[in-house]
Amino acid sequence: MNVDEIFDVTSFHIDREPHIVLDTTVCVGCDQRGCTNSCPARCYTWSEEDQKMTFVYDGCLECGTCYVVCRQDAFTRWSYPRGGFGVSFRMT
């Protein structure tokens, strides 16, 4: 399977409680914004015009890349979703 085919069979069980909480005010001081370039699900979007980071957790692939590349310690919470929630990969 190629990547597009994998994403076609990926499903999400969205929890009303986010498993990742980001203090977006901290992102204003970041000059790299590695999360916008490294997140494979494109959950992070920086608006140059508004000087604002937008984060949407409901498409998160739970890989942890954002947590590793963030140099500003912008996360007030980063955990995996509660049981029964989050991403489900089906590889067949």
PDB file of N, CA and C in Angstrom:
ATOM      1  N   MET A   1       0.834  -1.185   0.000  1.00  0.00           N
ATOM      2  CA  MET A   1       0.000   0.000   0.000  1.00  0.00           C
ATOM      3  C   MET A   1       0.876   1.245   0.000  1.00  0.00           C
ATOM      4  N   ASN A   2       0.466   2.232  -0.767  1.00  0.00           N
ATOM      5  CA  ASN A   2       1.183   3.503  -0.711  1.00  0.00           C
ATOM      6  C   ASN A   2       0.537   4.397   0.356  1.00  0.00           C
ATOM      7  N   VAL A   3       1.141   5.527   0.626  1.00  0.00           N
ATOM      8  CA  VAL A   3       0.680   6.412   1.695  1.00  0.00           C
ATOM      9  C   VAL A   3      -0.754   6.876   1.471  1.00  0.00           C
ATOM     10  N   ASP A   4      -1.107   7.239   0.258  1.00  0.00           N
ATOM     11  CA  ASP A   4      -2.473   7.688  -0.025  1.00  0.00           C
ATOM     12  C   ASP A   4      -3.496   6.597   0.274  1.00  0.00           C
ATOM     13  N   GLU A   5      -3.167   5.366  -0.065  1.00  0.00           N
ATOM     14  CA  GLU A   5      -4.080   4.255   0.203  1.00  0.00           C
ATOM     15  C   GLU A   5      -4.228   4.015   1.704  1.00  0.00           C
ATOM     16  N   ILE A   6      -3.142   4.180   2.440  1.00  0.00           N
ATOM     17  CA  ILE A   6      -3.204   4.018   3.897  1.00  0.00           C
ATOM     18  C   ILE A   6      -4.120   5.072   4.509  1.00  0.00           C
ATOM     19  N   PHE A   7      -3.979   6.318   4.072  1.00  0.00           N
ATOM     20  CA  PHE A   7      -4.833   7.378   4.612  1.00  0.00           C
ATOM     21  C   PHE A   7      -6.293   7.194   4.215  1.00  0.00           C
ATOM     22  N   ASP A   8      -6.536   6.555   3.096  1.00  0.00           N
ATOM     23  CA  ASP A   8      -7.916   6.302   2.682  1.00  0.00           C
ATOM     24  C   ASP A   8      -8.643   5.361   3.640  1.00  0.00           C
ATOM     25  N   VAL A   9      -7.921   4.461   4.287  1.00  0.00           N
ATOM     26  CA  VAL A   9      -8.550   3.504   5.207  1.00  0.00           C
ATOM     27  C   VAL A   9      -8.297   3.856   6.673  1.00  0.00           C
ATOM     28  N   THR A  10      -7.748   5.028   6.930  1.00  0.00           N
ATOM     29  CA  THR A  10      -7.518   5.488   8.295  1.00  0.00           C
ATOM     30  C   THR A  10      -8.785   6.153   8.810  1.00  0.00           C
ATOM     31  N   SER A  11      -9.156   5.832  10.037  1.00  0.00           N
ATOM     32  CA  SER A  11     -10.345   6.467  10.615  1.00  0.00           C
ATOM     33  C   SER A  11      -9.999   7.096  11.962  1.00  0.00           C
ATOM     34  N   PHE A  12     -10.817   8.029  12.372  1.00  0.00           N
ATOM     35  CA  PHE A  12     -10.593   8.760  13.615  1.00  0.00           C
ATOM     36  C   PHE A  12     -11.838   8.676  14.487  1.00  0.00           C
ATOM     37  N   HIS A  13     -11.631   8.427  15.751  1.00  0.00           N
ATOM     38  CA  HIS A  13     -12.695   8.441  16.749  1.00  0.00           C
ATOM     39  C   HIS A  13     -12.391   9.642  17.644  1.00  0.00           C
ATOM     40  N   ILE A  14     -13.072  10.737  17.385  1.00  0.00           N
ATOM     41  CA  ILE A  14     -12.742  12.019  17.997  1.00  0.00           C
ATOM     42  C   ILE A  14     -13.345  12.124  19.398  1.00  0.00           C
ATOM     43  N   ASP A  15     -12.487  12.438  20.343  1.00  0.00           N
ATOM     44  CA  ASP A  15     -12.900  12.685  21.721  1.00  0.00           C
ATOM     45  C   ASP A  15     -13.246  14.166  21.849  1.00  0.00           C
ATOM     46  N   ARG A  16     -14.222  14.500  22.651  1.00  0.00           N
ATOM     47  CA  ARG A  16     -14.550  15.912  22.870  1.00  0.00           C
ATOM     48  C   ARG A  16     -13.463  16.597  23.684  1.00  0.00           C
ATOM     49  N   GLU A  17     -12.677  15.809  24.410  1.00  0.00           N
ATOM     50  CA  GLU A  17     -11.568  16.316  25.219  1.00  0.00           C
ATOM     51  C   GLU A  17     -10.271  16.177  24.412  1.00  0.00           C
ATOM     52  N   PRO A  18      -9.603  17.278  24.062  1.00  0.00           N
ATOM     53  CA  PRO A  18      -8.373  17.170  23.259  1.00  0.00           C
ATOM     54  C   PRO A  18      -7.240  16.492  24.029  1.00  0.00           C
ATOM     55  N   HIS A  19      -6.496  15.668  23.341  1.00  0.00           N
ATOM     56  CA  HIS A  19      -5.349  15.007  23.976  1.00  0.00           C
ATOM     57  C   HIS A  19      -4.091  15.863  23.879  1.00  0.00           C
ATOM     58  N   ILE A  20      -4.145  16.893  23.065  1.00  0.00           N
ATOM     59  CA  ILE A  20      -3.036  17.841  22.929  1.00  0.00           C
ATOM     60  C   ILE A  20      -3.599  19.243  23.123  1.00  0.00           C
ATOM     61  N   VAL A  21      -2.948  19.993  24.000  1.00  0.00           N
ATOM     62  CA  VAL A  21      -3.341  21.386  24.223  1.00  0.00           C
ATOM     63  C   VAL A  21      -2.107  22.243  23.995  1.00  0.00           C
ATOM     64  N   LEU A  22      -2.269  23.241  23.176  1.00  0.00           N
ATOM     65  CA  LEU A  22      -1.171  24.100  22.745  1.00  0.00           C
ATOM     66  C   LEU A  22      -1.432  25.531  23.195  1.00  0.00           C
ATOM     67  N   ASP A  23      -0.434  26.153  23.824  1.00  0.00           N
ATOM     68  CA  ASP A  23      -0.524  27.572  24.167  1.00  0.00           C
ATOM     69  C   ASP A  23      -0.057  28.347  22.940  1.00  0.00           C
ATOM     70  N   THR A  24      -1.001  28.741  22.109  1.00  0.00           N
ATOM     71  CA  THR A  24      -0.663  29.356  20.821  1.00  0.00           C
ATOM     72  C   THR A  24      -0.012  30.725  20.966  1.00  0.00           C
ATOM     73  N   THR A  25      -0.119  31.351  22.127  1.00  0.00           N
ATOM     74  CA  THR A  25       0.559  32.638  22.318  1.00  0.00           C
ATOM     75  C   THR A  25       2.073  32.458  22.326  1.00  0.00           C
ATOM     76  N   VAL A  26       2.530  31.290  22.746  1.00  0.00           N
ATOM     77  CA  VAL A  26       3.964  30.993  22.750  1.00  0.00           C
ATOM     78  C   VAL A  26       4.491  30.896  21.321  1.00  0.00           C
ATOM     79  N   CYS A  27       3.650  30.455  20.403  1.00  0.00           N
ATOM     80  CA  CYS A  27       4.054  30.261  19.008  1.00  0.00           C
ATOM     81  C   CYS A  27       4.426  31.572  18.314  1.00  0.00           C
ATOM     82  N   VAL A  28       3.907  32.677  18.803  1.00  0.00           N
ATOM     83  CA  VAL A  28       4.210  33.976  18.202  1.00  0.00           C
ATOM     84  C   VAL A  28       5.705  34.259  18.286  1.00  0.00           C
ATOM     85  N   GLY A  29       6.349  33.847  19.363  1.00  0.00           N
ATOM     86  CA  GLY A  29       7.779  34.081  19.536  1.00  0.00           C
ATOM     87  C   GLY A  29       8.674  33.076  18.841  1.00  0.00           C
ATOM     88  N   CYS A  30       8.098  32.099  18.182  1.00  0.00           N
ATOM     89  CA  CYS A  30       8.884  31.056  17.510  1.00  0.00           C
ATOM     90  C   CYS A  30       9.239  31.502  16.096  1.00  0.00           C
ATOM     91  N   ASP A  31      10.510  31.409  15.762  1.00  0.00           N
ATOM     92  CA  ASP A  31      10.924  31.799  14.411  1.00  0.00           C
ATOM     93  C   ASP A  31      11.026  30.607  13.465  1.00  0.00           C
ATOM     94  N   GLN A  32      10.880  29.390  13.971  1.00  0.00           N
ATOM     95  CA  GLN A  32      11.012  28.209  13.116  1.00  0.00           C
ATOM     96  C   GLN A  32       9.683  27.541  12.789  1.00  0.00           C
ATOM     97  N   ARG A  33       8.813  27.452  13.762  1.00  0.00           N
ATOM     98  CA  ARG A  33       7.511  26.800  13.590  1.00  0.00           C
ATOM     99  C   ARG A  33       7.654  25.437  12.905  1.00  0.00           C
ATOM    100  N   GLY A  34       8.500  24.615  13.479  1.00  0.00           N
ATOM    101  CA  GLY A  34       8.760  23.288  12.926  1.00  0.00           C
ATOM    102  C   GLY A  34       7.527  22.418  12.837  1.00  0.00           C
ATOM    103  N   CYS A  35       6.565  22.645  13.712  1.00  0.00           N
ATOM    104  CA  CYS A  35       5.351  21.829  13.699  1.00  0.00           C
ATOM    105  C   CYS A  35       4.581  21.975  12.389  1.00  0.00           C
ATOM    106  N   THR A  36       4.594  23.165  11.803  1.00  0.00           N
ATOM    107  CA  THR A  36       3.837  23.380  10.567  1.00  0.00           C
ATOM    108  C   THR A  36       4.436  22.610   9.397  1.00  0.00           C
ATOM    109  N   ASN A  37       5.725  22.361   9.445  1.00  0.00           N
ATOM    110  CA  ASN A  37       6.394  21.641   8.359  1.00  0.00           C
ATOM    111  C   ASN A  37       6.541  20.152   8.622  1.00  0.00           C
ATOM    112  N   SER A  38       6.518  19.744   9.883  1.00  0.00           N
ATOM    113  CA  SER A  38       6.814  18.352  10.191  1.00  0.00           C
ATOM    114  C   SER A  38       5.590  17.492  10.473  1.00  0.00           C
ATOM    115  N   CYS A  39       4.463  18.092  10.788  1.00  0.00           N
ATOM    116  CA  CYS A  39       3.267  17.305  11.102  1.00  0.00           C
ATOM    117  C   CYS A  39       2.745  16.631   9.831  1.00  0.00           C
ATOM    118  N   PRO A  40       2.747  15.293   9.794  1.00  0.00           N
ATOM    119  CA  PRO A  40       2.294  14.611   8.578  1.00  0.00           C
ATOM    120  C   PRO A  40       0.795  14.785   8.319  1.00  0.00           C
ATOM    121  N   ALA A  41       0.036  15.123   9.352  1.00  0.00           N
ATOM    122  CA  ALA A  41      -1.405  15.311   9.191  1.00  0.00           C
ATOM    123  C   ALA A  41      -1.777  16.766   8.940  1.00  0.00           C
ATOM    124  N   ARG A  42      -0.786  17.643   8.956  1.00  0.00           N
ATOM    125  CA  ARG A  42      -1.009  19.078   8.733  1.00  0.00           C
ATOM    126  C   ARG A  42      -2.010  19.657   9.745  1.00  0.00           C
ATOM    127  N   CYS A  43      -1.832  19.312  11.008  1.00  0.00           N
ATOM    128  CA  CYS A  43      -2.720  19.800  12.072  1.00  0.00           C
ATOM    129  C   CYS A  43      -2.411  21.233  12.485  1.00  0.00           C
ATOM    130  N   TYR A  44      -1.244  21.740  12.103  1.00  0.00           N
ATOM    131  CA  TYR A  44      -0.805  23.076  12.503  1.00  0.00           C
ATOM    132  C   TYR A  44      -0.775  24.008  11.304  1.00  0.00           C
ATOM    133  N   THR A  45      -1.341  25.197  11.477  1.00  0.00           N
ATOM    134  CA  THR A  45      -1.331  26.205  10.424  1.00  0.00           C
ATOM    135  C   THR A  45      -0.959  27.546  11.036  1.00  0.00           C
ATOM    136  N   TRP A  46       0.062  28.193  10.472  1.00  0.00           N
ATOM    137  CA  TRP A  46       0.474  29.510  10.934  1.00  0.00           C
ATOM    138  C   TRP A  46      -0.058  30.559   9.972  1.00  0.00           C
ATOM    139  N   SER A  47      -0.719  31.581  10.514  1.00  0.00           N
ATOM    140  CA  SER A  47      -1.194  32.703   9.711  1.00  0.00           C
ATOM    141  C   SER A  47      -0.247  33.874   9.925  1.00  0.00           C
ATOM    142  N   GLU A  48       0.503  34.192   8.907  1.00  0.00           N
ATOM    143  CA  GLU A  48       1.434  35.323   8.985  1.00  0.00           C
ATOM    144  C   GLU A  48       0.664  36.631   9.170  1.00  0.00           C
ATOM    145  N   GLU A  49      -0.454  36.724   8.492  1.00  0.00           N
ATOM    146  CA  GLU A  49      -1.263  37.942   8.572  1.00  0.00           C
ATOM    147  C   GLU A  49      -1.795  38.189   9.988  1.00  0.00           C
ATOM    148  N   ASP A  50      -2.329  37.137  10.611  1.00  0.00           N
ATOM    149  CA  ASP A  50      -2.906  37.268  11.951  1.00  0.00           C
ATOM    150  C   ASP A  50      -1.892  37.025  13.065  1.00  0.00           C
ATOM    151  N   GLN A  51      -0.699  36.544  12.685  1.00  0.00           N
ATOM    152  CA  GLN A  51       0.316  36.162  13.671  1.00  0.00           C
ATOM    153  C   GLN A  51      -0.283  35.185  14.681  1.00  0.00           C
ATOM    154  N   LYS A  52      -0.886  34.124  14.138  1.00  0.00           N
ATOM    155  CA  LYS A  52      -1.612  33.183  14.981  1.00  0.00           C
ATOM    156  C   LYS A  52      -1.416  31.753  14.493  1.00  0.00           C
ATOM    157  N   MET A  53      -1.230  30.842  15.443  1.00  0.00           N
ATOM    158  CA  MET A  53      -1.149  29.420  15.152  1.00  0.00           C
ATOM    159  C   MET A  53      -2.528  28.811  15.377  1.00  0.00           C
ATOM    160  N   THR A  54      -2.948  27.997  14.431  1.00  0.00           N
ATOM    161  CA  THR A  54      -4.184  27.243  14.575  1.00  0.00           C
ATOM    162  C   THR A  54      -3.817  25.775  14.657  1.00  0.00           C
ATOM    163  N   PHE A  55      -4.421  25.082  15.605  1.00  0.00           N
ATOM    164  CA  PHE A  55      -4.158  23.661  15.793  1.00  0.00           C
ATOM    165  C   PHE A  55      -5.484  22.918  15.846  1.00  0.00           C
ATOM    166  N   VAL A  56      -5.582  21.843  15.066  1.00  0.00           N
ATOM    167  CA  VAL A  56      -6.777  21.009  15.037  1.00  0.00           C
ATOM    168  C   VAL A  56      -6.349  19.591  15.402  1.00  0.00           C
ATOM    169  N   TYR A  57      -6.809  19.105  16.548  1.00  0.00           N
ATOM    170  CA  TYR A  57      -6.351  17.803  17.038  1.00  0.00           C
ATOM    171  C   TYR A  57      -7.100  16.623  16.440  1.00  0.00           C
ATOM    172  N   ASP A  58      -8.234  16.854  15.800  1.00  0.00           N
ATOM    173  CA  ASP A  58      -9.059  15.727  15.378  1.00  0.00           C
ATOM    174  C   ASP A  58      -8.512  14.942  14.189  1.00  0.00           C
ATOM    175  N   GLY A  59      -7.461  15.401  13.554  1.00  0.00           N
ATOM    176  CA  GLY A  59      -6.831  14.637  12.482  1.00  0.00           C
ATOM    177  C   GLY A  59      -5.448  14.143  12.858  1.00  0.00           C
ATOM    178  N   CYS A  60      -5.121  14.244  14.138  1.00  0.00           N
ATOM    179  CA  CYS A  60      -3.783  13.897  14.621  1.00  0.00           C
ATOM    180  C   CYS A  60      -3.489  12.408  14.437  1.00  0.00           C
ATOM    181  N   LEU A  61      -2.301  12.114  13.931  1.00  0.00           N
ATOM    182  CA  LEU A  61      -1.869  10.733  13.730  1.00  0.00           C
ATOM    183  C   LEU A  61      -1.124  10.171  14.941  1.00  0.00           C
ATOM    184  N   GLU A  62      -0.975  10.978  15.988  1.00  0.00           N
ATOM    185  CA  GLU A  62      -0.382  10.560  17.261  1.00  0.00           C
ATOM    186  C   GLU A  62       1.072  10.120  17.135  1.00  0.00           C
ATOM    187  N   CYS A  63       1.806  10.730  16.228  1.00  0.00           N
ATOM    188  CA  CYS A  63       3.192  10.324  15.999  1.00  0.00           C
ATOM    189  C   CYS A  63       4.173  10.982  16.965  1.00  0.00           C
ATOM    190  N   GLY A  64       3.800  12.144  17.529  1.00  0.00           N
ATOM    191  CA  GLY A  64       4.664  12.828  18.482  1.00  0.00           C
ATOM    192  C   GLY A  64       5.696  13.751  17.872  1.00  0.00           C
ATOM    193  N   THR A  65       5.712  13.872  16.574  1.00  0.00           N
ATOM    194  CA  THR A  65       6.706  14.715  15.910  1.00  0.00           C
ATOM    195  C   THR A  65       6.618  16.161  16.380  1.00  0.00           C
ATOM    196  N   CYS A  66       5.424  16.679  16.523  1.00  0.00           N
ATOM    197  CA  CYS A  66       5.253  18.072  16.950  1.00  0.00           C
ATOM    198  C   CYS A  66       5.892  18.315  18.313  1.00  0.00           C
ATOM    199  N   TYR A  67       5.728  17.376  19.201  1.00  0.00           N
ATOM    200  CA  TYR A  67       6.285  17.507  20.551  1.00  0.00           C
ATOM    201  C   TYR A  67       7.808  17.541  20.512  1.00  0.00           C
ATOM    202  N   VAL A  68       8.378  16.737  19.646  1.00  0.00           N
ATOM    203  CA  VAL A  68       9.838  16.657  19.535  1.00  0.00           C
ATOM    204  C   VAL A  68      10.422  17.917  18.908  1.00  0.00           C
ATOM    205  N   VAL A  69       9.781  18.456  17.882  1.00  0.00           N
ATOM    206  CA  VAL A  69      10.361  19.596  17.163  1.00  0.00           C
ATOM    207  C   VAL A  69      10.050  20.953  17.789  1.00  0.00           C
ATOM    208  N   CYS A  70       9.117  21.023  18.727  1.00  0.00           N
ATOM    209  CA  CYS A  70       8.759  22.309  19.337  1.00  0.00           C
ATOM    210  C   CYS A  70       9.877  22.773  20.265  1.00  0.00           C
ATOM    211  N   ARG A  71      10.470  23.906  19.933  1.00  0.00           N
ATOM    212  CA  ARG A  71      11.565  24.454  20.739  1.00  0.00           C
ATOM    213  C   ARG A  71      11.072  25.488  21.742  1.00  0.00           C
ATOM    214  N   GLN A  72       9.789  25.768  21.732  1.00  0.00           N
ATOM    215  CA  GLN A  72       9.227  26.800  22.607  1.00  0.00           C
ATOM    216  C   GLN A  72       8.492  26.228  23.820  1.00  0.00           C
ATOM    217  N   ASP A  73       8.425  24.911  23.936  1.00  0.00           N
ATOM    218  CA  ASP A  73       7.638  24.274  25.009  1.00  0.00           C
ATOM    219  C   ASP A  73       6.212  24.819  25.034  1.00  0.00           C
ATOM    220  N   ALA A  74       5.593  24.845  23.876  1.00  0.00           N
ATOM    221  CA  ALA A  74       4.258  25.432  23.728  1.00  0.00           C
ATOM    222  C   ALA A  74       3.136  24.506  24.184  1.00  0.00           C
ATOM    223  N   PHE A  75       3.448  23.250  24.444  1.00  0.00           N
ATOM    224  CA  PHE A  75       2.396  22.304  24.819  1.00  0.00           C
ATOM    225  C   PHE A  75       2.122  22.372  26.318  1.00  0.00           C
ATOM    226  N   THR A  76       0.876  22.639  26.662  1.00  0.00           N
ATOM    227  CA  THR A  76       0.492  22.572  28.068  1.00  0.00           C
ATOM    228  C   THR A  76       0.015  21.164  28.404  1.00  0.00           C
ATOM    229  N   ARG A  77      -0.288  20.402  27.356  1.00  0.00           N
ATOM    230  CA  ARG A  77      -0.654  18.992  27.528  1.00  0.00           C
ATOM    231  C   ARG A  77      -0.346  18.259  26.230  1.00  0.00           C
ATOM    232  N   TRP A  78       0.334  17.127  26.358  1.00  0.00           N
ATOM    233  CA  TRP A  78       0.546  16.239  25.210  1.00  0.00           C
ATOM    234  C   TRP A  78       0.461  14.824  25.745  1.00  0.00           C
ATOM    235  N   SER A  79      -0.548  14.108  25.300  1.00  0.00           N
ATOM    236  CA  SER A  79      -0.713  12.714  25.700  1.00  0.00           C
ATOM    237  C   SER A  79      -1.402  11.989  24.553  1.00  0.00           C
ATOM    238  N   TYR A  80      -1.456  10.692  24.663  1.00  0.00           N
ATOM    239  CA  TYR A  80      -2.224   9.938  23.681  1.00  0.00           C
ATOM    240  C   TYR A  80      -3.696  10.015  24.069  1.00  0.00           C
ATOM    241  N   PRO A  81      -4.601   9.854  23.121  1.00  0.00           N
ATOM    242  CA  PRO A  81      -6.030   9.931  23.439  1.00  0.00           C
ATOM    243  C   PRO A  81      -6.449   8.841  24.435  1.00  0.00           C
ATOM    244  N   ARG A  82      -7.560   9.099  25.094  1.00  0.00           N
ATOM    245  CA  ARG A  82      -8.121   8.094  25.999  1.00  0.00           C
ATOM    246  C   ARG A  82      -8.472   6.842  25.202  1.00  0.00           C
ATOM    247  N   GLY A  83      -8.572   5.727  25.896  1.00  0.00           N
ATOM    248  CA  GLY A  83      -8.919   4.464  25.258  1.00  0.00           C
ATOM    249  C   GLY A  83     -10.201   4.564  24.448  1.00  0.00           C
ATOM    250  N   GLY A  84     -10.178   4.016  23.262  1.00  0.00           N
ATOM    251  CA  GLY A  84     -11.344   4.046  22.390  1.00  0.00           C
ATOM    252  C   GLY A  84     -11.410   5.252  21.474  1.00  0.00           C
ATOM    253  N   PHE A  85     -10.480   6.201  21.674  1.00  0.00           N
ATOM    254  CA  PHE A  85     -10.466   7.408  20.857  1.00  0.00           C
ATOM    255  C   PHE A  85      -9.143   7.517  20.109  1.00  0.00           C
ATOM    256  N   GLY A  86      -9.131   8.389  19.112  1.00  0.00           N
ATOM    257  CA  GLY A  86      -7.908   8.637  18.356  1.00  0.00           C
ATOM    258  C   GLY A  86      -7.941   7.992  16.987  1.00  0.00           C
ATOM    259  N   VAL A  87      -6.758   7.803  16.454  1.00  0.00           N
ATOM    260  CA  VAL A  87      -6.615   7.288  15.098  1.00  0.00           C
ATOM    261  C   VAL A  87      -6.655   5.761  15.087  1.00  0.00           C
ATOM    262  N   SER A  88      -7.249   5.202  14.038  1.00  0.00           N
ATOM    263  CA  SER A  88      -7.258   3.755  13.813  1.00  0.00           C
ATOM    264  C   SER A  88      -6.722   3.499  12.415  1.00  0.00           C
ATOM    265  N   PHE A  89      -5.613   2.794  12.366  1.00  0.00           N
ATOM    266  CA  PHE A  89      -5.011   2.444  11.079  1.00  0.00           C
ATOM    267  C   PHE A  89      -5.467   1.052  10.693  1.00  0.00           C
ATOM    268  N   ARG A  90      -5.850   0.894   9.447  1.00  0.00           N
ATOM    269  CA  ARG A  90      -6.178  -0.427   8.921  1.00  0.00           C
ATOM    270  C   ARG A  90      -5.284  -0.643   7.718  1.00  0.00           C
ATOM    271  N   MET A  91      -4.428  -1.611   7.778  1.00  0.00           N
ATOM    272  CA  MET A  91      -3.400  -1.791   6.756  1.00  0.00           C
ATOM    273  C   MET A  91      -3.765  -2.832   5.702  1.00  0.00           C
ATOM    274  N   THR A  92      -4.999  -3.281   5.649  1.00  0.00           N
ATOM    275  CA  THR A  92      -5.369  -4.280   4.642  1.00  0.00           C
ATOM    276  C   THR A  92      -6.470  -3.777   3.747  1.00  0.00           C
TER     277      THR A  92
END
